[in-house]
Amino acid sequence: MAKPDVITVAAMKELFTEFQDKIKDDFQIWLASDEEGNQFSPMLENPELSFAIDSENRRIILYPSGL
């Protein structure tokens, strides 16, 4: 089984552009992870698995993968 693609800066920029009508400049960026930084996980390129917009709380949430 092939590993999923990890998101690149170019893909992240494209993702933000795609959702620019839903994302405002004052939104915060939140990362789902532990506080100690014991492990590093990639963000997958598929936004359905790695990206959420929480308009109510004005934040973008990034979900790293446990590949």
PDB file of N, CA and C in Angstrom:
ATOM      1  N   MET A   1       0.844  -1.177   0.000  1.00  0.00           N
ATOM      2  CA  MET A   1       0.000   0.000   0.000  1.00  0.00           C
ATOM      3  C   MET A   1       0.888   1.238   0.000  1.00  0.00           C
ATOM      4  N   ALA A   2       0.620   2.165  -0.897  1.00  0.00           N
ATOM      5  CA  ALA A   2       1.411   3.395  -0.997  1.00  0.00           C
ATOM      6  C   ALA A   2       1.021   4.361   0.115  1.00  0.00           C
ATOM      7  N   LYS A   3       2.023   5.083   0.586  1.00  0.00           N
ATOM      8  CA  LYS A   3       1.754   6.095   1.602  1.00  0.00           C
ATOM      9  C   LYS A   3       1.106   7.314   0.944  1.00  0.00           C
ATOM     10  N   PRO A   4       0.160   7.962   1.627  1.00  0.00           N
ATOM     11  CA  PRO A   4      -0.464   9.172   1.076  1.00  0.00           C
ATOM     12  C   PRO A   4       0.563  10.296   0.942  1.00  0.00           C
ATOM     13  N   ASP A   5       0.287  11.211   0.032  1.00  0.00           N
ATOM     14  CA  ASP A   5       1.175  12.352  -0.175  1.00  0.00           C
ATOM     15  C   ASP A   5       1.093  13.326   0.992  1.00  0.00           C
ATOM     16  N   VAL A   6       2.243  13.862   1.347  1.00  0.00           N
ATOM     17  CA  VAL A   6       2.327  14.886   2.391  1.00  0.00           C
ATOM     18  C   VAL A   6       2.170  16.243   1.719  1.00  0.00           C
ATOM     19  N   ILE A   7       1.465  17.150   2.361  1.00  0.00           N
ATOM     20  CA  ILE A   7       1.197  18.462   1.775  1.00  0.00           C
ATOM     21  C   ILE A   7       2.493  19.269   1.630  1.00  0.00           C
ATOM     22  N   THR A   8       2.559  20.040   0.578  1.00  0.00           N
ATOM     23  CA  THR A   8       3.691  20.931   0.334  1.00  0.00           C
ATOM     24  C   THR A   8       3.240  22.369   0.586  1.00  0.00           C
ATOM     25  N   VAL A   9       4.189  23.279   0.622  1.00  0.00           N
ATOM     26  CA  VAL A   9       3.854  24.700   0.792  1.00  0.00           C
ATOM     27  C   VAL A   9       2.963  25.158  -0.361  1.00  0.00           C
ATOM     28  N   ALA A  10       3.291  24.753  -1.573  1.00  0.00           N
ATOM     29  CA  ALA A  10       2.488  25.145  -2.736  1.00  0.00           C
ATOM     30  C   ALA A  10       1.045  24.656  -2.603  1.00  0.00           C
ATOM     31  N   ALA A  11       0.866  23.416  -2.152  1.00  0.00           N
ATOM     32  CA  ALA A  11      -0.473  22.873  -1.974  1.00  0.00           C
ATOM     33  C   ALA A  11      -1.217  23.582  -0.843  1.00  0.00           C
ATOM     34  N   MET A  12      -0.500  23.964   0.213  1.00  0.00           N
ATOM     35  CA  MET A  12      -1.125  24.695   1.319  1.00  0.00           C
ATOM     36  C   MET A  12      -1.584  26.077   0.853  1.00  0.00           C
ATOM     37  N   LYS A  13      -0.754  26.745   0.071  1.00  0.00           N
ATOM     38  CA  LYS A  13      -1.145  28.050  -0.486  1.00  0.00           C
ATOM     39  C   LYS A  13      -2.392  27.912  -1.349  1.00  0.00           C
ATOM     40  N   GLU A  14      -2.410  26.884  -2.171  1.00  0.00           N
ATOM     41  CA  GLU A  14      -3.560  26.639  -3.044  1.00  0.00           C
ATOM     42  C   GLU A  14      -4.812  26.371  -2.220  1.00  0.00           C
ATOM     43  N   LEU A  15      -4.673  25.616  -1.157  1.00  0.00           N
ATOM     44  CA  LEU A  15      -5.794  25.312  -0.274  1.00  0.00           C
ATOM     45  C   LEU A  15      -6.348  26.591   0.354  1.00  0.00           C
ATOM     46  N   PHE A  16      -5.455  27.459   0.838  1.00  0.00           N
ATOM     47  CA  PHE A  16      -5.901  28.720   1.429  1.00  0.00           C
ATOM     48  C   PHE A  16      -6.574  29.598   0.379  1.00  0.00           C
ATOM     49  N   THR A  17      -6.074  29.586  -0.836  1.00  0.00           N
ATOM     50  CA  THR A  17      -6.685  30.362  -1.916  1.00  0.00           C
ATOM     51  C   THR A  17      -8.073  29.817  -2.239  1.00  0.00           C
ATOM     52  N   GLU A  18      -8.187  28.498  -2.270  1.00  0.00           N
ATOM     53  CA  GLU A  18      -9.463  27.861  -2.574  1.00  0.00           C
ATOM     54  C   GLU A  18     -10.547  28.250  -1.563  1.00  0.00           C
ATOM     55  N   PHE A  19     -10.156  28.424  -0.313  1.00  0.00           N
ATOM     56  CA  PHE A  19     -11.116  28.751   0.747  1.00  0.00           C
ATOM     57  C   PHE A  19     -11.036  30.206   1.197  1.00  0.00           C
ATOM     58  N   GLN A  20     -10.472  31.079   0.374  1.00  0.00           N
ATOM     59  CA  GLN A  20     -10.258  32.464   0.795  1.00  0.00           C
ATOM     60  C   GLN A  20     -11.559  33.197   1.129  1.00  0.00           C
ATOM     61  N   ASP A  21     -12.679  32.770   0.571  1.00  0.00           N
ATOM     62  CA  ASP A  21     -13.953  33.410   0.900  1.00  0.00           C
ATOM     63  C   ASP A  21     -14.473  32.999   2.272  1.00  0.00           C
ATOM     64  N   LYS A  22     -13.932  31.902   2.835  1.00  0.00           N
ATOM     65  CA  LYS A  22     -14.357  31.421   4.153  1.00  0.00           C
ATOM     66  C   LYS A  22     -13.349  31.730   5.250  1.00  0.00           C
ATOM     67  N   ILE A  23     -12.126  32.069   4.860  1.00  0.00           N
ATOM     68  CA  ILE A  23     -11.060  32.330   5.824  1.00  0.00           C
ATOM     69  C   ILE A  23     -10.792  33.831   5.898  1.00  0.00           C
ATOM     70  N   LYS A  24     -10.810  34.370   7.085  1.00  0.00           N
ATOM     71  CA  LYS A  24     -10.551  35.800   7.282  1.00  0.00           C
ATOM     72  C   LYS A  24      -9.157  36.000   7.876  1.00  0.00           C
ATOM     73  N   ASP A  25      -8.624  37.201   7.723  1.00  0.00           N
ATOM     74  CA  ASP A  25      -7.263  37.501   8.183  1.00  0.00           C
ATOM     75  C   ASP A  25      -7.074  37.332   9.687  1.00  0.00           C
ATOM     76  N   ASP A  26      -8.139  37.450  10.465  1.00  0.00           N
ATOM     77  CA  ASP A  26      -7.989  37.347  11.919  1.00  0.00           C
ATOM     78  C   ASP A  26      -8.214  35.926  12.448  1.00  0.00           C
ATOM     79  N   PHE A  27      -8.392  34.946  11.555  1.00  0.00           N
ATOM     80  CA  PHE A  27      -8.536  33.562  11.999  1.00  0.00           C
ATOM     81  C   PHE A  27      -7.228  33.097  12.625  1.00  0.00           C
ATOM     82  N   GLN A  28      -7.346  32.279  13.648  1.00  0.00           N
ATOM     83  CA  GLN A  28      -6.180  31.680  14.287  1.00  0.00           C
ATOM     84  C   GLN A  28      -5.898  30.327  13.638  1.00  0.00           C
ATOM     85  N   ILE A  29      -4.645  29.883  13.715  1.00  0.00           N
ATOM     86  CA  ILE A  29      -4.250  28.568  13.238  1.00  0.00           C
ATOM     87  C   ILE A  29      -4.078  27.670  14.464  1.00  0.00           C
ATOM     88  N   TRP A  30      -4.781  26.564  14.477  1.00  0.00           N
ATOM     89  CA  TRP A  30      -4.687  25.593  15.568  1.00  0.00           C
ATOM     90  C   TRP A  30      -4.159  24.282  15.007  1.00  0.00           C
ATOM     91  N   LEU A  31      -3.331  23.611  15.784  1.00  0.00           N
ATOM     92  CA  LEU A  31      -2.741  22.348  15.388  1.00  0.00           C
ATOM     93  C   LEU A  31      -3.142  21.280  16.384  1.00  0.00           C
ATOM     94  N   ALA A  32      -3.693  20.193  15.896  1.00  0.00           N
ATOM     95  CA  ALA A  32      -4.064  19.072  16.760  1.00  0.00           C
ATOM     96  C   ALA A  32      -2.813  18.232  17.019  1.00  0.00           C
ATOM     97  N   SER A  33      -2.265  18.312  18.243  1.00  0.00           N
ATOM     98  CA  SER A  33      -1.057  17.552  18.589  1.00  0.00           C
ATOM     99  C   SER A  33      -0.835  17.591  20.097  1.00  0.00           C
ATOM    100  N   ASP A  34       0.189  16.881  20.563  1.00  0.00           N
ATOM    101  CA  ASP A  34       0.512  16.969  21.980  1.00  0.00           C
ATOM    102  C   ASP A  34       1.371  18.209  22.246  1.00  0.00           C
ATOM    103  N   GLU A  35       1.399  18.657  23.480  1.00  0.00           N
ATOM    104  CA  GLU A  35       2.106  19.891  23.850  1.00  0.00           C
ATOM    105  C   GLU A  35       3.604  19.724  23.952  1.00  0.00           C
ATOM    106  N   GLU A  36       4.075  18.499  24.143  1.00  0.00           N
ATOM    107  CA  GLU A  36       5.498  18.272  24.390  1.00  0.00           C
ATOM    108  C   GLU A  36       6.328  18.154  23.122  1.00  0.00           C
ATOM    109  N   GLY A  37       5.702  17.956  21.989  1.00  0.00           N
ATOM    110  CA  GLY A  37       6.452  17.814  20.745  1.00  0.00           C
ATOM    111  C   GLY A  37       7.311  16.566  20.708  1.00  0.00           C
ATOM    112  N   ASN A  38       6.833  15.497  21.328  1.00  0.00           N
ATOM    113  CA  ASN A  38       7.590  14.252  21.365  1.00  0.00           C
ATOM    114  C   ASN A  38       7.639  13.552  20.016  1.00  0.00           C
ATOM    115  N   GLN A  39       6.644  13.783  19.206  1.00  0.00           N
ATOM    116  CA  GLN A  39       6.574  13.147  17.902  1.00  0.00           C
ATOM    117  C   GLN A  39       6.227  14.192  16.854  1.00  0.00           C
ATOM    118  N   PHE A  40       6.699  13.949  15.648  1.00  0.00           N
ATOM    119  CA  PHE A  40       6.378  14.823  14.528  1.00  0.00           C
ATOM    120  C   PHE A  40       5.617  14.004  13.501  1.00  0.00           C
ATOM    121  N   SER A  41       4.521  14.553  13.023  1.00  0.00           N
ATOM    122  CA  SER A  41       3.677  13.859  12.061  1.00  0.00           C
ATOM    123  C   SER A  41       3.436  14.761  10.860  1.00  0.00           C
ATOM    124  N   PRO A  42       3.338  14.173   9.674  1.00  0.00           N
ATOM    125  CA  PRO A  42       3.084  14.981   8.488  1.00  0.00           C
ATOM    126  C   PRO A  42       1.613  15.363   8.377  1.00  0.00           C
ATOM    127  N   MET A  43       1.354  16.420   7.650  1.00  0.00           N
ATOM    128  CA  MET A  43      -0.005  16.770   7.247  1.00  0.00           C
ATOM    129  C   MET A  43      -0.208  16.189   5.867  1.00  0.00           C
ATOM    130  N   LEU A  44      -1.271  15.443   5.682  1.00  0.00           N
ATOM    131  CA  LEU A  44      -1.532  14.844   4.384  1.00  0.00           C
ATOM    132  C   LEU A  44      -2.060  15.883   3.405  1.00  0.00           C
ATOM    133  N   GLU A  45      -1.802  15.649   2.131  1.00  0.00           N
ATOM    134  CA  GLU A  45      -2.220  16.585   1.092  1.00  0.00           C
ATOM    135  C   GLU A  45      -3.736  16.628   0.942  1.00  0.00           C
ATOM    136  N   ASN A  46      -4.415  15.543   1.264  1.00  0.00           N
ATOM    137  CA  ASN A  46      -5.870  15.493   1.160  1.00  0.00           C
ATOM    138  C   ASN A  46      -6.484  16.359   2.262  1.00  0.00           C
ATOM    139  N   PRO A  47      -7.119  17.486   1.906  1.00  0.00           N
ATOM    140  CA  PRO A  47      -7.655  18.395   2.933  1.00  0.00           C
ATOM    141  C   PRO A  47      -8.773  17.776   3.769  1.00  0.00           C
ATOM    142  N   GLU A  48      -9.444  16.767   3.253  1.00  0.00           N
ATOM    143  CA  GLU A  48     -10.497  16.113   4.032  1.00  0.00           C
ATOM    144  C   GLU A  48      -9.926  15.402   5.253  1.00  0.00           C
ATOM    145  N   LEU A  49      -8.628  15.088   5.200  1.00  0.00           N
ATOM    146  CA  LEU A  49      -7.982  14.384   6.300  1.00  0.00           C
ATOM    147  C   LEU A  49      -7.103  15.285   7.161  1.00  0.00           C
ATOM    148  N   SER A  50      -6.874  16.516   6.721  1.00  0.00           N
ATOM    149  CA  SER A  50      -5.858  17.314   7.405  1.00  0.00           C
ATOM    150  C   SER A  50      -6.235  18.761   7.694  1.00  0.00           C
ATOM    151  N   PHE A  51      -7.423  19.208   7.312  1.00  0.00           N
ATOM    152  CA  PHE A  51      -7.726  20.639   7.331  1.00  0.00           C
ATOM    153  C   PHE A  51      -9.198  20.852   7.660  1.00  0.00           C
ATOM    154  N   ALA A  52      -9.472  21.780   8.566  1.00  0.00           N
ATOM    155  CA  ALA A  52     -10.858  22.138   8.879  1.00  0.00           C
ATOM    156  C   ALA A  52     -10.952  23.633   9.112  1.00  0.00           C
ATOM    157  N   ILE A  53     -12.085  24.204   8.754  1.00  0.00           N
ATOM    158  CA  ILE A  53     -12.354  25.617   9.013  1.00  0.00           C
ATOM    159  C   ILE A  53     -13.457  25.680  10.058  1.00  0.00           C
ATOM    160  N   ASP A  54     -13.176  26.333  11.174  1.00  0.00           N
ATOM    161  CA  ASP A  54     -14.144  26.527  12.252  1.00  0.00           C
ATOM    162  C   ASP A  54     -14.518  28.010  12.245  1.00  0.00           C
ATOM    163  N   SER A  55     -15.498  28.359  11.424  1.00  0.00           N
ATOM    164  CA  SER A  55     -15.884  29.765  11.258  1.00  0.00           C
ATOM    165  C   SER A  55     -16.444  30.367  12.536  1.00  0.00           C
ATOM    166  N   GLU A  56     -17.166  29.573  13.280  1.00  0.00           N
ATOM    167  CA  GLU A  56     -17.790  30.061  14.519  1.00  0.00           C
ATOM    168  C   GLU A  56     -16.738  30.571  15.505  1.00  0.00           C
ATOM    169  N   ASN A  57     -15.645  29.820  15.636  1.00  0.00           N
ATOM    170  CA  ASN A  57     -14.579  30.206  16.560  1.00  0.00           C
ATOM    171  C   ASN A  57     -13.427  30.912  15.864  1.00  0.00           C
ATOM    172  N   ARG A  58     -13.580  31.177  14.569  1.00  0.00           N
ATOM    173  CA  ARG A  58     -12.613  31.924  13.762  1.00  0.00           C
ATOM    174  C   ARG A  58     -11.219  31.295  13.822  1.00  0.00           C
ATOM    175  N   ARG A  59     -11.173  30.021  13.402  1.00  0.00           N
ATOM    176  CA  ARG A  59      -9.879  29.352  13.393  1.00  0.00           C
ATOM    177  C   ARG A  59      -9.809  28.290  12.289  1.00  0.00           C
ATOM    178  N   ILE A  60      -8.592  28.005  11.907  1.00  0.00           N
ATOM    179  CA  ILE A  60      -8.273  26.925  10.986  1.00  0.00           C
ATOM    180  C   ILE A  60      -7.601  25.845  11.830  1.00  0.00           C
ATOM    181  N   ILE A  61      -8.035  24.622  11.652  1.00  0.00           N
ATOM    182  CA  ILE A  61      -7.462  23.521  12.427  1.00  0.00           C
ATOM    183  C   ILE A  61      -6.734  22.592  11.470  1.00  0.00           C
ATOM    184  N   LEU A  62      -5.489  22.283  11.797  1.00  0.00           N
ATOM    185  CA  LEU A  62      -4.665  21.368  11.012  1.00  0.00           C
ATOM    186  C   LEU A  62      -4.535  20.057  11.772  1.00  0.00           C
ATOM    187  N   TYR A  63      -4.766  18.953  11.090  1.00  0.00           N
ATOM    188  CA  TYR A  63      -4.693  17.626  11.694  1.00  0.00           C
ATOM    189  C   TYR A  63      -3.535  16.844  11.093  1.00  0.00           C
ATOM    190  N   PRO A  64      -2.444  16.655  11.852  1.00  0.00           N
ATOM    191  CA  PRO A  64      -1.348  15.837  11.339  1.00  0.00           C
ATOM    192  C   PRO A  64      -1.757  14.360  11.321  1.00  0.00           C
ATOM    193  N   SER A  65      -1.102  13.604  10.470  1.00  0.00           N
ATOM    194  CA  SER A  65      -1.411  12.201  10.302  1.00  0.00           C
ATOM    195  C   SER A  65      -0.468  11.330  11.118  1.00  0.00           C
ATOM    196  N   GLY A  66      -0.955  10.219  11.578  1.00  0.00           N
ATOM    197  CA  GLY A  66      -0.114   9.272  12.290  1.00  0.00           C
ATOM    198  C   GLY A  66       0.367   8.170  11.359  1.00  0.00           C
ATOM    199  N   LEU A  67       0.998   8.550  10.253  1.00  0.00           N
ATOM    200  CA  LEU A  67       1.472   7.547   9.274  1.00  0.00           C
ATOM    201  C   LEU A  67       2.382   6.541   9.909  1.00  0.00           C
TER     202      LEU A  67
END
